[in-house]
Amino acid sequence: MRPFRLSLLLERLRRPRVYPKPLPALVRAYPEVRPPLSLDLPYYAARREGGYALIPWDRYMEEAERTLEEVARL
């Protein structure tokens, strides 16, 4: 039984499987979905390719900040 397993292994090594590259994602910016800037919310500037983007400081960002502070304490 061992020679049979070895032959299967050698056969697979001779012809490796080639997986096709996935297609690029189709991404579209929806400017109509972006909420307008408001003076009621705090924002922070995040760097992006074309300069900076203002991102609202919401509950998700508060939770991320708390998590990073906890990890930094360890």
PDB file of N, CA and C in Angstrom:
ATOM      1  N   MET A   1       0.823  -1.197   0.000  1.00  0.00           N
ATOM      2  CA  MET A   1       0.000   0.000   0.000  1.00  0.00           C
ATOM      3  C   MET A   1       0.863   1.256   0.000  1.00  0.00           C
ATOM      4  N   ARG A   2       2.047   1.201   0.601  1.00  0.00           N
ATOM      5  CA  ARG A   2       2.915   2.376   0.633  1.00  0.00           C
ATOM      6  C   ARG A   2       3.370   2.832  -0.755  1.00  0.00           C
ATOM      7  N   PRO A   3       3.766   1.910  -1.651  1.00  0.00           N
ATOM      8  CA  PRO A   3       4.173   2.382  -2.983  1.00  0.00           C
ATOM      9  C   PRO A   3       3.050   3.124  -3.701  1.00  0.00           C
ATOM     10  N   PHE A   4       1.811   2.713  -3.465  1.00  0.00           N
ATOM     11  CA  PHE A   4       0.671   3.380  -4.093  1.00  0.00           C
ATOM     12  C   PHE A   4       0.548   4.819  -3.593  1.00  0.00           C
ATOM     13  N   ARG A   5       0.706   5.033  -2.278  1.00  0.00           N
ATOM     14  CA  ARG A   5       0.642   6.384  -1.719  1.00  0.00           C
ATOM     15  C   ARG A   5       1.784   7.249  -2.241  1.00  0.00           C
ATOM     16  N   LEU A   6       2.949   6.664  -2.337  1.00  0.00           N
ATOM     17  CA  LEU A   6       4.095   7.404  -2.831  1.00  0.00           C
ATOM     18  C   LEU A   6       3.889   7.820  -4.285  1.00  0.00           C
ATOM     19  N   SER A   7       3.313   6.919  -5.082  1.00  0.00           N
ATOM     20  CA  SER A   7       3.072   7.257  -6.486  1.00  0.00           C
ATOM     21  C   SER A   7       2.047   8.386  -6.603  1.00  0.00           C
ATOM     22  N   LEU A   8       1.029   8.401  -5.754  1.00  0.00           N
ATOM     23  CA  LEU A   8       0.058   9.498  -5.774  1.00  0.00           C
ATOM     24  C   LEU A   8       0.715  10.813  -5.393  1.00  0.00           C
ATOM     25  N   LEU A   9       1.587  10.767  -4.408  1.00  0.00           N
ATOM     26  CA  LEU A   9       2.293  11.976  -3.998  1.00  0.00           C
ATOM     27  C   LEU A   9       3.177  12.493  -5.122  1.00  0.00           C
ATOM     28  N   LEU A  10       3.909  11.605  -5.751  1.00  0.00           N
ATOM     29  CA  LEU A  10       4.767  12.018  -6.856  1.00  0.00           C
ATOM     30  C   LEU A  10       3.955  12.560  -8.024  1.00  0.00           C
ATOM     31  N   GLU A  11       2.811  11.965  -8.281  1.00  0.00           N
ATOM     32  CA  GLU A  11       1.951  12.443  -9.362  1.00  0.00           C
ATOM     33  C   GLU A  11       1.446  13.859  -9.076  1.00  0.00           C
ATOM     34  N   ARG A  12       1.069  14.121  -7.861  1.00  0.00           N
ATOM     35  CA  ARG A  12       0.604  15.468  -7.492  1.00  0.00           C
ATOM     36  C   ARG A  12       1.733  16.485  -7.551  1.00  0.00           C
ATOM     37  N   LEU A  13       2.928  16.078  -7.191  1.00  0.00           N
ATOM     38  CA  LEU A  13       4.049  16.998  -7.254  1.00  0.00           C
ATOM     39  C   LEU A  13       4.438  17.317  -8.697  1.00  0.00           C
ATOM     40  N   ARG A  14       4.208  16.382  -9.604  1.00  0.00           N
ATOM     41  CA  ARG A  14       4.518  16.625 -11.013  1.00  0.00           C
ATOM     42  C   ARG A  14       3.558  17.633 -11.622  1.00  0.00           C
ATOM     43  N   ARG A  15       2.303  17.564 -11.239  1.00  0.00           N
ATOM     44  CA  ARG A  15       1.288  18.471 -11.788  1.00  0.00           C
ATOM     45  C   ARG A  15       0.621  19.243 -10.657  1.00  0.00           C
ATOM     46  N   PRO A  16       1.238  20.313 -10.194  1.00  0.00           N
ATOM     47  CA  PRO A  16       0.601  21.077  -9.118  1.00  0.00           C
ATOM     48  C   PRO A  16      -0.675  21.756  -9.615  1.00  0.00           C
ATOM     49  N   ARG A  17      -1.593  21.923  -8.731  1.00  0.00           N
ATOM     50  CA  ARG A  17      -2.847  22.586  -9.080  1.00  0.00           C
ATOM     51  C   ARG A  17      -2.614  24.086  -9.194  1.00  0.00           C
ATOM     52  N   VAL A  18      -3.132  24.644 -10.237  1.00  0.00           N
ATOM     53  CA  VAL A  18      -3.010  26.077 -10.441  1.00  0.00           C
ATOM     54  C   VAL A  18      -4.391  26.677 -10.222  1.00  0.00           C
ATOM     55  N   TYR A  19      -4.490  27.514  -9.214  1.00  0.00           N
ATOM     56  CA  TYR A  19      -5.756  28.150  -8.922  1.00  0.00           C
ATOM     57  C   TYR A  19      -5.819  29.488  -9.646  1.00  0.00           C
ATOM     58  N   PRO A  20      -6.898  29.755 -10.347  1.00  0.00           N
ATOM     59  CA  PRO A  20      -6.980  31.025 -11.067  1.00  0.00           C
ATOM     60  C   PRO A  20      -7.047  32.202 -10.098  1.00  0.00           C
ATOM     61  N   LYS A  21      -6.489  33.298 -10.525  1.00  0.00           N
ATOM     62  CA  LYS A  21      -6.500  34.515  -9.716  1.00  0.00           C
ATOM     63  C   LYS A  21      -7.930  35.036  -9.652  1.00  0.00           C
ATOM     64  N   PRO A  22      -8.408  35.409  -8.468  1.00  0.00           N
ATOM     65  CA  PRO A  22      -9.784  35.899  -8.383  1.00  0.00           C
ATOM     66  C   PRO A  22      -9.937  37.216  -9.137  1.00  0.00           C
ATOM     67  N   LEU A  23     -11.132  37.439  -9.629  1.00  0.00           N
ATOM     68  CA  LEU A  23     -11.416  38.671 -10.353  1.00  0.00           C
ATOM     69  C   LEU A  23     -11.332  39.862  -9.408  1.00  0.00           C
ATOM     70  N   PRO A  24     -10.936  41.019  -9.916  1.00  0.00           N
ATOM     71  CA  PRO A  24     -10.898  42.199  -9.048  1.00  0.00           C
ATOM     72  C   PRO A  24     -12.304  42.580  -8.610  1.00  0.00           C
ATOM     73  N   ALA A  25     -12.404  43.070  -7.413  1.00  0.00           N
ATOM     74  CA  ALA A  25     -13.710  43.449  -6.872  1.00  0.00           C
ATOM     75  C   ALA A  25     -14.231  44.677  -7.608  1.00  0.00           C
ATOM     76  N   LEU A  26     -15.506  44.671  -7.831  1.00  0.00           N
ATOM     77  CA  LEU A  26     -16.137  45.825  -8.446  1.00  0.00           C
ATOM     78  C   LEU A  26     -16.598  46.753  -7.320  1.00  0.00           C
ATOM     79  N   VAL A  27     -15.931  47.867  -7.191  1.00  0.00           N
ATOM     80  CA  VAL A  27     -16.221  48.793  -6.102  1.00  0.00           C
ATOM     81  C   VAL A  27     -16.635  50.116  -6.705  1.00  0.00           C
ATOM     82  N   ARG A  28     -17.697  50.658  -6.206  1.00  0.00           N
ATOM     83  CA  ARG A  28     -18.168  51.950  -6.670  1.00  0.00           C
ATOM     84  C   ARG A  28     -18.390  52.836  -5.460  1.00  0.00           C
ATOM     85  N   ALA A  29     -17.917  54.037  -5.535  1.00  0.00           N
ATOM     86  CA  ALA A  29     -18.151  54.991  -4.452  1.00  0.00           C
ATOM     87  C   ALA A  29     -19.565  55.536  -4.605  1.00  0.00           C
ATOM     88  N   TYR A  30     -20.280  55.574  -3.524  1.00  0.00           N
ATOM     89  CA  TYR A  30     -21.632  56.110  -3.519  1.00  0.00           C
ATOM     90  C   TYR A  30     -21.624  57.443  -2.785  1.00  0.00           C
ATOM     91  N   PRO A  31     -21.330  58.535  -3.483  1.00  0.00           N
ATOM     92  CA  PRO A  31     -21.268  59.829  -2.785  1.00  0.00           C
ATOM     93  C   PRO A  31     -22.610  60.239  -2.194  1.00  0.00           C
ATOM     94  N   GLU A  32     -23.707  59.742  -2.762  1.00  0.00           N
ATOM     95  CA  GLU A  32     -25.022  60.120  -2.224  1.00  0.00           C
ATOM     96  C   GLU A  32     -25.307  59.445  -0.892  1.00  0.00           C
ATOM     97  N   VAL A  33     -24.546  58.419  -0.543  1.00  0.00           N
ATOM     98  CA  VAL A  33     -24.758  57.704   0.711  1.00  0.00           C
ATOM     99  C   VAL A  33     -23.999  58.366   1.856  1.00  0.00           C
ATOM    100  N   ARG A  34     -22.920  59.073   1.544  1.00  0.00           N
ATOM    101  CA  ARG A  34     -22.114  59.696   2.589  1.00  0.00           C
ATOM    102  C   ARG A  34     -22.927  60.757   3.322  1.00  0.00           C
ATOM    103  N   PRO A  35     -22.957  60.670   4.631  1.00  0.00           N
ATOM    104  CA  PRO A  35     -23.704  61.688   5.378  1.00  0.00           C
ATOM    105  C   PRO A  35     -22.952  63.020   5.330  1.00  0.00           C
ATOM    106  N   PRO A  36     -23.675  64.107   5.335  1.00  0.00           N
ATOM    107  CA  PRO A  36     -22.997  65.413   5.336  1.00  0.00           C
ATOM    108  C   PRO A  36     -22.269  65.637   6.658  1.00  0.00           C
ATOM    109  N   LEU A  37     -21.223  66.448   6.614  1.00  0.00           N
ATOM    110  CA  LEU A  37     -20.484  66.768   7.835  1.00  0.00           C
ATOM    111  C   LEU A  37     -21.373  67.551   8.781  1.00  0.00           C
ATOM    112  N   SER A  38     -21.247  67.251  10.048  1.00  0.00           N
ATOM    113  CA  SER A  38     -22.052  67.917  11.063  1.00  0.00           C
ATOM    114  C   SER A  38     -21.143  68.430  12.165  1.00  0.00           C
ATOM    115  N   LEU A  39     -21.448  69.575  12.700  1.00  0.00           N
ATOM    116  CA  LEU A  39     -20.643  70.118  13.788  1.00  0.00           C
ATOM    117  C   LEU A  39     -20.978  69.470  15.123  1.00  0.00           C
ATOM    118  N   ASP A  40     -22.038  68.662  15.152  1.00  0.00           N
ATOM    119  CA  ASP A  40     -22.431  67.993  16.394  1.00  0.00           C
ATOM    120  C   ASP A  40     -21.561  66.776  16.695  1.00  0.00           C
ATOM    121  N   LEU A  41     -20.932  66.200  15.685  1.00  0.00           N
ATOM    122  CA  LEU A  41     -20.137  64.984  15.876  1.00  0.00           C
ATOM    123  C   LEU A  41     -18.650  65.308  15.875  1.00  0.00           C
ATOM    124  N   PRO A  42     -17.871  64.593  16.698  1.00  0.00           N
ATOM    125  CA  PRO A  42     -16.414  64.747  16.604  1.00  0.00           C
ATOM    126  C   PRO A  42     -15.878  63.922  15.435  1.00  0.00           C
ATOM    127  N   TYR A  43     -14.849  64.425  14.773  1.00  0.00           N
ATOM    128  CA  TYR A  43     -14.233  63.738  13.647  1.00  0.00           C
ATOM    129  C   TYR A  43     -12.743  63.606  13.902  1.00  0.00           C
ATOM    130  N   TYR A  44     -12.130  62.661  13.222  1.00  0.00           N
ATOM    131  CA  TYR A  44     -10.680  62.607  13.240  1.00  0.00           C
ATOM    132  C   TYR A  44     -10.205  62.442  11.803  1.00  0.00           C
ATOM    133  N   ALA A  45      -9.035  62.954  11.528  1.00  0.00           N
ATOM    134  CA  ALA A  45      -8.494  62.911  10.173  1.00  0.00           C
ATOM    135  C   ALA A  45      -7.713  61.621   9.969  1.00  0.00           C
ATOM    136  N   ALA A  46      -8.048  60.894   8.923  1.00  0.00           N
ATOM    137  CA  ALA A  46      -7.342  59.672   8.563  1.00  0.00           C
ATOM    138  C   ALA A  46      -6.653  59.899   7.222  1.00  0.00           C
ATOM    139  N   ARG A  47      -5.430  59.447   7.111  1.00  0.00           N
ATOM    140  CA  ARG A  47      -4.682  59.632   5.870  1.00  0.00           C
ATOM    141  C   ARG A  47      -5.183  58.651   4.815  1.00  0.00           C
ATOM    142  N   ARG A  48      -5.313  59.129   3.599  1.00  0.00           N
ATOM    143  CA  ARG A  48      -5.668  58.284   2.464  1.00  0.00           C
ATOM    144  C   ARG A  48      -4.818  58.699   1.279  1.00  0.00           C
ATOM    145  N   GLU A  49      -5.017  58.056   0.142  1.00  0.00           N
ATOM    146  CA  GLU A  49      -4.148  58.294  -1.013  1.00  0.00           C
ATOM    147  C   GLU A  49      -4.145  59.758  -1.447  1.00  0.00           C
ATOM    148  N   GLY A  50      -5.300  60.372  -1.521  1.00  0.00           N
ATOM    149  CA  GLY A  50      -5.390  61.724  -2.040  1.00  0.00           C
ATOM    150  C   GLY A  50      -5.258  62.808  -0.989  1.00  0.00           C
ATOM    151  N   GLY A  51      -4.931  62.479   0.220  1.00  0.00           N
ATOM    152  CA  GLY A  51      -4.820  63.473   1.296  1.00  0.00           C
ATOM    153  C   GLY A  51      -5.386  62.919   2.592  1.00  0.00           C
ATOM    154  N   TYR A  52      -6.403  63.584   3.109  1.00  0.00           N
ATOM    155  CA  TYR A  52      -7.007  63.166   4.369  1.00  0.00           C
ATOM    156  C   TYR A  52      -8.512  63.003   4.203  1.00  0.00           C
ATOM    157  N   ALA A  53      -9.092  62.171   5.044  1.00  0.00           N
ATOM    158  CA  ALA A  53     -10.535  61.972   5.077  1.00  0.00           C
ATOM    159  C   ALA A  53     -10.999  62.182   6.506  1.00  0.00           C
ATOM    160  N   LEU A  54     -12.134  62.827   6.672  1.00  0.00           N
ATOM    161  CA  LEU A  54     -12.707  63.009   8.006  1.00  0.00           C
ATOM    162  C   LEU A  54     -13.630  61.841   8.304  1.00  0.00           C
ATOM    163  N   ILE A  55     -13.365  61.157   9.400  1.00  0.00           N
ATOM    164  CA  ILE A  55     -14.153  60.001   9.802  1.00  0.00           C
ATOM    165  C   ILE A  55     -14.834  60.326  11.117  1.00  0.00           C
ATOM    166  N   PRO A  56     -16.158  60.119  11.195  1.00  0.00           N
ATOM    167  CA  PRO A  56     -16.857  60.450  12.440  1.00  0.00           C
ATOM    168  C   PRO A  56     -16.433  59.529  13.580  1.00  0.00           C
ATOM    169  N   TRP A  57     -16.320  60.099  14.755  1.00  0.00           N
ATOM    170  CA  TRP A  57     -15.953  59.348  15.945  1.00  0.00           C
ATOM    171  C   TRP A  57     -17.239  58.788  16.544  1.00  0.00           C
ATOM    172  N   ASP A  58     -17.521  57.518  16.293  1.00  0.00           N
ATOM    173  CA  ASP A  58     -18.767  56.909  16.745  1.00  0.00           C
ATOM    174  C   ASP A  58     -18.475  55.796  17.751  1.00  0.00           C
ATOM    175  N   ARG A  59     -19.515  55.016  18.072  1.00  0.00           N
ATOM    176  CA  ARG A  59     -19.351  53.938  19.061  1.00  0.00           C
ATOM    177  C   ARG A  59     -18.326  52.911  18.611  1.00  0.00           C
ATOM    178  N   TYR A  60     -18.292  52.628  17.313  1.00  0.00           N
ATOM    179  CA  TYR A  60     -17.321  51.654  16.806  1.00  0.00           C
ATOM    180  C   TYR A  60     -15.895  52.132  17.062  1.00  0.00           C
ATOM    181  N   MET A  61     -15.632  53.400  16.806  1.00  0.00           N
ATOM    182  CA  MET A  61     -14.289  53.935  17.014  1.00  0.00           C
ATOM    183  C   MET A  61     -13.949  53.976  18.508  1.00  0.00           C
ATOM    184  N   GLU A  62     -14.921  54.274  19.345  1.00  0.00           N
ATOM    185  CA  GLU A  62     -14.683  54.256  20.797  1.00  0.00           C
ATOM    186  C   GLU A  62     -14.305  52.851  21.256  1.00  0.00           C
ATOM    187  N   GLU A  63     -15.029  51.850  20.741  1.00  0.00           N
ATOM    188  CA  GLU A  63     -14.725  50.465  21.116  1.00  0.00           C
ATOM    189  C   GLU A  63     -13.343  50.057  20.615  1.00  0.00           C
ATOM    190  N   ALA A  64     -12.999  50.463  19.387  1.00  0.00           N
ATOM    191  CA  ALA A  64     -11.674  50.142  18.848  1.00  0.00           C
ATOM    192  C   ALA A  64     -10.577  50.801  19.675  1.00  0.00           C
ATOM    193  N   GLU A  65     -10.795  52.038  20.091  1.00  0.00           N
ATOM    194  CA  GLU A  65      -9.794  52.735  20.904  1.00  0.00           C
ATOM    195  C   GLU A  65      -9.615  52.043  22.257  1.00  0.00           C
ATOM    196  N   ARG A  66     -10.731  51.647  22.878  1.00  0.00           N
ATOM    197  CA  ARG A  66     -10.644  50.943  24.161  1.00  0.00           C
ATOM    198  C   ARG A  66      -9.884  49.628  24.006  1.00  0.00           C
ATOM    199  N   THR A  67     -10.176  48.896  22.939  1.00  0.00           N
ATOM    200  CA  THR A  67      -9.503  47.615  22.700  1.00  0.00           C
ATOM    201  C   THR A  67      -8.010  47.815  22.504  1.00  0.00           C
ATOM    202  N   LEU A  68      -7.626  48.822  21.733  1.00  0.00           N
ATOM    203  CA  LEU A  68      -6.207  49.085  21.512  1.00  0.00           C
ATOM    204  C   LEU A  68      -5.510  49.502  22.803  1.00  0.00           C
ATOM    205  N   GLU A  69      -6.196  50.275  23.637  1.00  0.00           N
ATOM    206  CA  GLU A  69      -5.584  50.674  24.924  1.00  0.00           C
ATOM    207  C   GLU A  69      -5.385  49.466  25.821  1.00  0.00           C
ATOM    208  N   GLU A  70      -6.371  48.539  25.825  1.00  0.00           N
ATOM    209  CA  GLU A  70      -6.245  47.330  26.646  1.00  0.00           C
ATOM    210  C   GLU A  70      -5.092  46.459  26.153  1.00  0.00           C
ATOM    211  N   VAL A  71      -4.951  46.331  24.842  1.00  0.00           N
ATOM    212  CA  VAL A  71      -3.878  45.515  24.291  1.00  0.00           C
ATOM    213  C   VAL A  71      -2.530  46.165  24.581  1.00  0.00           C
ATOM    214  N   ALA A  72      -2.463  47.485  24.547  1.00  0.00           N
ATOM    215  CA  ALA A  72      -1.203  48.182  24.799  1.00  0.00           C
ATOM    216  C   ALA A  72      -0.763  48.012  26.251  1.00  0.00           C
ATOM    217  N   ARG A  73      -1.724  47.840  27.163  1.00  0.00           N
ATOM    218  CA  ARG A  73      -1.381  47.661  28.579  1.00  0.00           C
ATOM    219  C   ARG A  73      -0.792  46.300  28.856  1.00  0.00           C
ATOM    220  N   LEU A  74      -1.097  45.313  28.019  1.00  0.00           N
ATOM    221  CA  LEU A  74      -0.615  43.941  28.266  1.00  0.00           C
ATOM    222  C   LEU A  74       0.856  43.795  28.059  1.00  0.00           C
TER     223      LEU A  74
END
